[in-house]
């Protein structure tokens, strides 16, 4: 029985998608619920799984093609076996025995599309990989095994191996590599330009003494991790809780503009910017005002793992009333973050540095962090923005205020 493989139903906020990777080729056997093809949208990568055991008989949409919700991607013959599937074209079956060698097209004759993409991204010479697919085709699994073998090779052998695989480049020659921008990165670029074009965006700065937060974390981190089943106590949870309290005191920072109306949100959904291989994503902690420090840390850790694995859902990245981004993890000392519309503000964290500070007439060394608040001046006045940032500073420099609600 022939089964049509169709693109998943996209949410209203996603118009279309792109076929990213076919994990199976015509003639290959598949099992029920096995991953067949990835569809990349401007927010997430959606996986299409096999509905039944069988053989992939036809690919209708190739890698790089644009698809709509429910559009036909390929066909699967349920219950069939790989030996019975029309894996090769008639011209190939009638070719003479000498035609079993790779055709004049080179790698295309022996390399599956998904494997070719993986080889280019990791600098692997396909001719050095033994193919286990039909007619000696190099599959994606063959490339993955080759990459793992390359990583596990002794350090001393790496220079020789790379020298053997590297192409000979004449002195003075310069190489270039052109790759298409992912839909996610293209969408992020579009939204950033849109934000700068449509907002009266300003940034105000302050600095926070991290002494008390660091002392509190150092004192209780082991007990915290033991009490909360392995959840580690980081700095981000303190910033989330401080932001929630500041948003309650300055509701305009938690609001958004809808046409000529101002929408004040009676909840705090905090977006946390996470860097992934595909680009910047902002999953949202729903109702952060109701979450404990442990729940915040657990949620952020989960989002980070999902981002690395490409498993974040569209729902997890939709909405948000305020965003926090931490460039300090990469060593950033100062930045002006761009507001994520339709939100009105974003808080930027930065690197913690030991700096001399004048305190009570004495010069002392303290761990200091610069904070940046970018905001939409159409909605938030300068006084509110500065007061909001000072509130966060005061709460972090005296964390007891978070517990006492003062």
Protein backbone atom coordinates (compact mmCIF):
# COMPACT_ATOMS: atom_id res chain seq x y z
CA UNK A 1 0.00 0.00 0.00
CA UNK A 2 1.39 3.39 -1.04
CA UNK A 3 1.50 6.04 1.69
CA UNK A 4 1.99 9.71 0.91
CA UNK A 5 4.63 11.51 2.97
CA UNK A 6 3.38 15.04 3.57
CA UNK A 7 4.79 18.15 5.20
CA UNK A 8 3.51 18.75 8.75
CA UNK A 9 0.81 21.31 9.45
CA UNK A 10 2.57 24.61 10.10
CA UNK A 11 1.26 27.06 12.73
CA UNK A 12 -0.37 30.29 11.55
CA UNK A 13 2.85 32.22 12.21
CA UNK A 14 4.81 30.01 9.77
CA UNK A 15 3.99 30.44 6.07
CA UNK A 16 6.17 27.71 4.59
CA UNK A 17 9.26 25.60 5.13
CA UNK A 18 12.30 24.24 3.32
CA UNK A 19 13.30 20.60 2.85
CA UNK A 20 16.53 20.49 4.87
CA UNK A 21 17.69 16.87 4.84
CA UNK A 22 16.39 13.58 3.48
CA UNK A 23 17.59 10.85 5.85
CA UNK A 24 16.44 8.10 3.48
CA UNK A 25 16.81 7.66 -0.27
CA UNK A 26 14.52 5.84 -2.74
CA UNK A 27 14.90 2.11 -2.31
CA UNK A 28 15.95 2.25 1.34
CA UNK A 29 13.93 0.47 3.99
CA UNK A 30 12.32 2.48 6.78
CA UNK A 31 10.71 1.52 10.06
CA UNK A 32 7.61 2.97 11.66
CA UNK A 33 8.31 6.27 13.48
CA UNK A 34 11.81 6.46 11.94
CA UNK A 35 12.99 9.93 10.86
CA UNK A 36 12.67 10.35 7.09
CA UNK A 37 13.08 14.06 6.36
CA UNK A 38 13.69 17.36 8.19
CA UNK A 39 11.66 20.47 7.31
CA UNK A 40 13.31 23.75 8.32
CA UNK A 41 11.11 26.76 9.06
CA UNK A 42 12.11 30.25 10.15
CA UNK A 43 11.69 29.16 13.78
CA UNK A 44 12.35 25.43 14.23
CA UNK A 45 13.28 22.25 12.38
CA UNK A 46 10.29 19.92 12.14
CA UNK A 47 10.80 16.16 11.77
CA UNK A 48 8.68 13.97 9.50
CA UNK A 49 8.47 10.34 10.66
CA UNK A 50 7.46 7.19 8.81
CA UNK A 51 3.85 6.12 9.36
CA UNK A 52 4.60 2.42 8.79
CA UNK A 53 7.34 -0.08 7.99
CA UNK A 54 8.21 -0.18 4.31
CA UNK A 55 10.42 1.28 1.60
CA UNK A 56 10.81 4.86 0.40
CA UNK A 57 9.82 4.70 -3.27
CA UNK A 58 9.84 8.32 -4.42
CA UNK A 59 11.08 11.77 -3.42
CA UNK A 60 8.87 14.56 -4.75
CA UNK A 61 10.48 17.52 -2.99
CA UNK A 62 14.28 17.63 -3.01
CA UNK A 63 16.55 19.25 -0.45
CA UNK A 64 16.30 23.02 -0.69
CA UNK A 65 12.76 23.04 -2.12
CA UNK A 66 10.10 25.21 -0.46
CA UNK A 67 7.01 23.39 0.81
CA UNK A 68 3.64 24.42 2.25
CA UNK A 69 1.60 22.81 5.04
CA UNK A 70 0.45 19.32 4.05
CA UNK A 71 2.29 19.39 0.71
CA UNK A 72 3.45 16.06 -0.74
CA UNK A 73 7.11 15.31 -0.01
CA UNK A 74 7.46 11.73 -1.21
CA UNK A 75 5.90 8.27 -1.19
CA UNK A 76 6.36 5.18 0.96
CA UNK A 77 5.37 1.63 0.06
CA UNK A 78 4.11 0.09 3.29
CA UNK A 79 5.09 -3.53 3.92
CA UNK A 80 7.59 -3.62 1.08
CA UNK A 81 11.20 -4.73 1.46
CA UNK A 82 14.28 -2.96 0.17
CA UNK A 83 15.01 -5.66 -2.40
CA UNK A 84 11.59 -5.19 -3.98
CA UNK A 85 11.71 -1.43 -4.23
CA UNK A 86 12.53 0.41 -7.48
CA UNK A 87 15.73 1.85 -6.04
CA UNK A 88 17.49 2.31 -9.38
CA UNK A 89 16.30 3.81 -12.64
CA UNK A 90 15.73 1.44 -15.65
CA UNK A 91 18.71 2.93 -17.47
CA UNK A 92 20.99 1.82 -14.66
CA UNK A 93 19.69 -1.78 -14.56
CA UNK A 94 20.23 -2.19 -18.31
CA UNK A 95 23.72 -0.69 -18.30
CA UNK A 96 26.74 -2.91 -18.98
CA UNK A 97 28.78 -4.31 -16.11
CA UNK A 98 31.46 -1.65 -16.52
CA UNK A 99 28.88 1.02 -15.67
CA UNK A 100 28.94 0.02 -11.98
CA UNK A 101 31.86 2.37 -11.44
CA UNK A 102 31.09 6.00 -10.57
CA UNK A 103 29.83 7.96 -13.54
CA UNK A 104 31.55 10.98 -15.06
CA UNK A 105 29.58 13.16 -12.69
CA UNK A 106 32.03 12.25 -9.89
CA UNK A 107 30.72 12.39 -6.33
CA UNK A 108 27.08 12.81 -7.40
CA UNK A 109 27.08 9.24 -8.72
CA UNK A 110 28.11 7.72 -5.39
CA UNK A 111 27.07 10.26 -2.75
CA UNK A 112 23.59 10.68 -1.24
CA UNK A 113 22.41 14.34 -0.99
CA UNK A 114 22.30 14.33 2.80
CA UNK A 115 25.77 12.80 2.94
CA UNK A 116 27.13 15.37 0.46
CA UNK A 117 25.90 18.22 2.66
CA UNK A 118 27.43 16.63 5.78
CA UNK A 119 30.75 16.08 4.00
CA UNK A 120 30.95 19.73 2.91
CA UNK A 121 30.15 21.02 6.39
CA UNK A 122 32.82 18.86 8.05
CA UNK A 123 35.55 18.97 5.39
CA UNK A 124 35.44 15.22 4.67
CA UNK A 125 36.66 13.87 1.32
CA UNK A 126 33.86 11.47 0.22
CA UNK A 127 36.33 9.44 -1.85
CA UNK A 128 38.11 8.48 1.37
CA UNK A 129 34.93 7.00 2.86
CA UNK A 130 33.82 3.45 2.09
CA UNK A 131 30.16 3.41 1.07
CA UNK A 132 27.83 0.81 2.53
CA UNK A 133 24.73 1.84 0.59
CA UNK A 134 23.33 0.37 -2.61
CA UNK A 135 25.89 0.22 -5.45
CA UNK A 136 28.57 1.55 -3.11
CA UNK A 137 26.69 4.78 -2.34
CA UNK A 138 28.18 6.75 0.56
CA UNK A 139 25.32 7.29 3.03
CA UNK A 140 24.89 9.84 5.79
CA UNK A 141 25.64 7.12 8.36
CA UNK A 142 28.96 6.41 6.61
CA UNK A 143 29.88 10.10 6.89
CA UNK A 144 28.88 10.25 10.58
CA UNK A 145 31.12 7.24 11.29
CA UNK A 146 33.98 8.88 9.40
CA UNK A 147 33.57 12.13 11.35
CA UNK A 148 33.58 10.28 14.68
CA UNK A 149 36.68 8.34 13.63
CA UNK A 150 38.39 11.58 12.69
CA UNK A 151 37.59 13.12 16.09
CA UNK A 152 38.85 10.09 18.01
CA UNK A 153 42.12 9.83 16.06
CA UNK A 154 45.35 10.46 18.06
CA UNK A 155 46.36 14.11 18.23
CA UNK A 156 49.72 13.32 16.63
CA UNK A 157 48.07 11.83 13.59
CA UNK A 158 45.78 14.79 12.93
CA UNK A 159 48.31 17.07 11.18
CA UNK A 160 49.30 14.32 8.73
CA UNK A 161 45.70 13.37 8.02
CA UNK A 162 44.59 16.94 7.44
CA UNK A 163 47.62 17.60 5.24
CA UNK A 164 46.73 14.61 3.08
CA UNK A 165 43.11 15.66 2.69
CA UNK A 166 43.72 19.38 2.16
CA UNK A 167 43.79 20.59 -1.45
CA UNK A 168 46.99 22.04 -2.82
CA UNK A 169 46.62 25.82 -2.98
CA UNK A 170 49.10 27.91 -4.89
CA UNK A 171 50.81 30.75 -3.04
CA UNK A 172 48.62 33.82 -3.03
CA UNK A 173 45.40 31.95 -3.84
CA UNK A 174 42.44 32.61 -1.54
CA UNK A 175 39.50 30.27 -1.17
CA UNK A 176 35.87 31.21 -0.58
CA UNK A 177 32.89 29.17 0.49
CA UNK A 178 29.32 30.19 -0.28
CA UNK A 179 26.49 28.57 1.66
CA UNK A 180 22.80 29.54 1.73
CA UNK A 181 21.57 31.36 4.83
CA UNK A 182 19.33 29.21 6.99
CA UNK A 183 15.71 30.25 7.23
CA UNK A 184 16.13 30.87 10.96
CA UNK A 185 19.09 33.21 10.49
CA UNK A 186 17.35 34.99 7.61
CA UNK A 187 14.25 35.53 9.77
CA UNK A 188 16.33 36.79 12.71
CA UNK A 189 18.09 39.24 10.38
CA UNK A 190 14.75 40.44 9.03
CA UNK A 191 13.30 41.00 12.51
CA UNK A 192 16.39 42.84 13.76
CA UNK A 193 16.30 45.26 10.83
CA UNK A 194 12.54 45.66 11.32
CA UNK A 195 13.03 46.48 15.01
CA UNK A 196 15.60 49.17 14.28
CA UNK A 197 13.45 50.64 11.51
CA UNK A 198 10.14 50.75 13.40
CA UNK A 199 11.22 51.60 16.96
CA UNK A 200 12.57 54.68 18.69
CA UNK A 201 15.19 52.49 20.35
CA UNK A 202 17.53 53.77 23.04
CA UNK A 203 19.92 52.02 25.45
CA UNK A 204 20.70 52.99 29.02
CA UNK A 205 23.59 51.50 31.02
CA UNK A 206 24.46 50.80 34.63
CA UNK A 207 26.78 48.53 36.56
CA UNK A 208 26.10 46.04 39.31
CA UNK A 209 28.35 44.78 42.09
CA UNK A 210 28.02 40.98 41.98
CA UNK A 211 29.71 40.40 45.36
CA UNK A 212 26.58 39.42 47.30
CA UNK A 213 25.11 37.23 44.56
CA UNK A 214 28.41 35.44 44.07
CA UNK A 215 28.82 34.91 47.83
CA UNK A 216 25.27 33.55 48.11
CA UNK A 217 25.80 31.23 45.14
CA UNK A 218 29.15 30.01 46.47
CA UNK A 219 27.68 29.30 49.91
CA UNK A 220 24.61 27.37 48.81
CA UNK A 221 25.35 25.96 45.34
CA UNK A 222 26.19 22.44 46.57
CA UNK A 223 23.18 22.26 48.89
CA UNK A 224 20.98 23.78 46.17
CA UNK A 225 22.06 21.13 43.63
CA UNK A 226 21.53 18.32 46.14
CA UNK A 227 18.12 19.61 47.24
CA UNK A 228 16.81 20.15 43.71
CA UNK A 229 17.93 16.88 42.13
CA UNK A 230 20.98 18.06 40.23
CA UNK A 231 19.73 21.51 39.20
CA UNK A 232 22.68 23.90 39.35
CA UNK A 233 22.43 27.40 40.77
CA UNK A 234 23.58 29.97 38.21
CA UNK A 235 23.43 33.73 37.86
CA UNK A 236 20.60 33.79 35.31
CA UNK A 237 17.91 32.82 37.84
CA UNK A 238 18.81 35.84 39.99
CA UNK A 239 18.50 38.14 36.97
CA UNK A 240 15.17 36.58 35.98
CA UNK A 241 13.71 37.02 39.46
CA UNK A 242 15.08 40.57 39.74
CA UNK A 243 13.60 41.40 36.32
CA UNK A 244 10.22 39.99 37.32
CA UNK A 245 10.13 42.19 40.42
CA UNK A 246 11.23 45.26 38.44
CA UNK A 247 8.59 44.57 35.76
CA UNK A 248 5.90 44.54 38.44
CA UNK A 249 7.01 47.99 39.59
CA UNK A 250 7.32 49.41 36.06
CA UNK A 251 4.51 47.81 34.01
CA UNK A 252 5.28 49.89 30.91
CA UNK A 253 8.52 47.92 30.45
CA UNK A 254 6.41 44.74 30.37
CA UNK A 255 3.92 46.20 27.87
CA UNK A 256 3.75 46.22 24.08
CA UNK A 257 2.31 48.43 21.35
CA UNK A 258 -0.53 47.10 19.17
CA UNK A 259 -1.41 49.68 16.54
CA UNK A 260 -2.43 52.77 18.51
CA UNK A 261 -3.07 50.79 21.71
CA UNK A 262 -0.77 49.94 24.60
CA UNK A 263 -1.20 46.39 25.89
CA UNK A 264 -0.22 45.96 29.55
CA UNK A 265 0.47 42.33 30.42
CA UNK A 266 -0.55 41.12 33.86
CA UNK A 267 2.04 38.34 33.77
CA UNK A 268 5.79 38.07 33.17
CA UNK A 269 6.81 35.74 30.34
CA UNK A 270 10.59 36.07 30.20
CA UNK A 271 12.42 35.17 27.00
CA UNK A 272 15.97 33.90 27.45
CA UNK A 273 18.22 34.30 24.40
CA UNK A 274 20.07 31.06 23.59
CA UNK A 275 22.79 30.65 20.96
CA UNK A 276 22.58 27.52 18.80
CA UNK A 277 24.35 26.21 15.70
CA UNK A 278 21.41 27.37 13.60
CA UNK A 279 21.29 30.87 15.06
CA UNK A 280 19.85 32.82 17.95
CA UNK A 281 16.64 31.50 19.49
CA UNK A 282 14.58 32.92 22.36
CA UNK A 283 12.57 30.30 24.29
CA UNK A 284 10.15 31.72 26.85
CA UNK A 285 9.75 31.00 30.58
CA UNK A 286 5.97 31.22 31.00
CA UNK A 287 4.68 32.93 34.16
CA UNK A 288 8.17 33.50 35.51
CA UNK A 289 6.62 35.40 38.43
CA UNK A 290 5.35 32.06 39.77
CA UNK A 291 8.64 30.20 39.37
CA UNK A 292 11.27 29.51 42.03
CA UNK A 293 14.99 29.90 41.42
CA UNK A 294 15.26 26.14 40.91
CA UNK A 295 12.41 26.11 38.38
CA UNK A 296 14.01 28.96 36.46
CA UNK A 297 17.39 27.21 36.35
CA UNK A 298 15.79 23.92 35.35
CA UNK A 299 13.79 25.60 32.58
CA UNK A 300 16.85 27.38 31.18
CA UNK A 301 18.91 24.17 31.24
CA UNK A 302 16.15 22.33 29.38
CA UNK A 303 15.92 25.08 26.76
CA UNK A 304 19.68 25.04 26.27
CA UNK A 305 19.74 21.28 25.63
CA UNK A 306 16.78 21.48 23.25
CA UNK A 307 18.42 24.34 21.36
CA UNK A 308 21.62 22.34 20.87
CA UNK A 309 19.64 19.32 19.69
CA UNK A 310 17.29 21.39 17.51
CA UNK A 311 14.27 20.17 19.49
CA UNK A 312 12.70 23.50 20.52
CA UNK A 313 9.06 23.74 19.53
CA UNK A 314 7.39 26.78 18.03
CA UNK A 315 5.16 27.14 21.11
CA UNK A 316 8.24 27.35 23.34
CA UNK A 317 9.54 30.32 21.33
CA UNK A 318 6.27 32.18 20.83
CA UNK A 319 5.26 35.20 22.89
CA UNK A 320 7.27 36.68 25.72
CA UNK A 321 6.85 40.08 27.35
CA UNK A 322 10.52 40.79 28.16
CA UNK A 323 13.86 39.29 27.09
CA UNK A 324 17.21 38.74 28.80
CA UNK A 325 20.37 38.09 26.80
CA UNK A 326 23.73 37.15 28.31
CA UNK A 327 26.67 38.11 26.12
CA UNK A 328 28.93 37.67 29.12
CA UNK A 329 29.11 33.93 28.50
CA UNK A 330 31.18 34.77 25.39
CA UNK A 331 33.28 37.45 27.08
CA UNK A 332 31.30 40.53 26.03
CA UNK A 333 32.01 43.55 28.23
CA UNK A 334 29.49 45.97 26.75
CA UNK A 335 26.77 45.83 24.09
CA UNK A 336 23.51 47.44 22.99
CA UNK A 337 21.00 44.56 22.57
CA UNK A 338 18.19 44.96 20.04
CA UNK A 339 14.60 44.76 21.29
CA UNK A 340 12.65 41.69 20.21
CA UNK A 341 9.32 43.07 18.84
CA UNK A 342 6.53 43.37 19.87
CA UNK A 343 8.25 43.58 23.26
CA UNK A 344 9.27 47.00 24.54
CA UNK A 345 12.61 46.24 26.21
CA UNK A 346 15.51 43.80 26.54
CA UNK A 347 18.11 43.42 29.29
CA UNK A 348 21.72 42.70 28.35
CA UNK A 349 24.07 40.97 30.80
CA UNK A 350 27.83 41.07 30.32
CA UNK A 351 31.14 39.73 31.57
CA UNK A 352 32.01 39.92 35.27
CA UNK A 353 35.38 41.63 35.78
CA UNK A 354 37.36 42.44 38.90
CA UNK A 355 37.63 46.24 38.94
CA UNK A 356 38.74 48.85 41.51
CA UNK A 357 35.74 50.63 43.06
CA UNK A 358 35.53 53.52 45.51
CA UNK A 359 33.40 52.36 48.47
CA UNK A 360 33.09 54.43 51.66
CA UNK A 361 36.15 56.41 50.70
CA UNK A 362 38.26 53.29 50.13
CA UNK A 363 39.40 51.71 46.87
CA UNK A 364 38.46 48.03 46.85
CA UNK A 365 38.40 45.33 44.17
CA UNK A 366 34.89 44.11 43.35
CA UNK A 367 33.38 41.78 40.71
CA UNK A 368 31.47 44.20 38.48
CA UNK A 369 29.10 43.65 35.57
CA UNK A 370 27.81 46.21 33.11
CA UNK A 371 24.06 46.05 32.44
CA UNK A 372 22.34 47.42 29.35
CA UNK A 373 18.63 48.05 28.88
CA UNK A 374 17.49 48.74 25.33
CA UNK A 375 13.93 50.04 25.16
CA UNK A 376 11.30 51.48 22.84
CA UNK A 377 11.14 55.19 23.65
CA UNK A 378 7.67 55.42 22.09
CA UNK A 379 6.34 53.51 25.08
CA UNK A 380 8.93 53.87 27.84
CA UNK A 381 10.22 57.21 29.08
CA UNK A 382 13.85 57.66 30.01
CA UNK A 383 12.97 58.06 33.69
CA UNK A 384 11.17 54.69 33.71
CA UNK A 385 13.99 52.94 31.87
CA UNK A 386 16.69 54.26 34.19
CA UNK A 387 14.60 53.54 37.31
CA UNK A 388 13.89 50.02 36.07
CA UNK A 389 17.60 49.31 35.60
CA UNK A 390 18.48 50.82 38.98
CA UNK A 391 15.86 48.58 40.60
CA UNK A 392 17.51 45.49 39.11
CA UNK A 393 20.89 46.76 40.29
CA UNK A 394 19.64 47.29 43.86
CA UNK A 395 17.95 43.88 44.02
CA UNK A 396 21.08 42.08 42.84
CA UNK A 397 23.44 43.98 45.13
CA UNK A 398 21.23 43.05 48.08
CA UNK A 399 19.57 39.69 47.17
CA UNK A 400 17.64 39.65 50.48
CA UNK A 401 15.33 42.22 48.88
CA UNK A 402 14.08 39.50 46.52
CA UNK A 403 13.02 37.37 49.49
CA UNK A 404 11.58 40.24 51.53
CA UNK A 405 9.84 41.88 48.54
CA UNK A 406 11.26 45.33 49.34
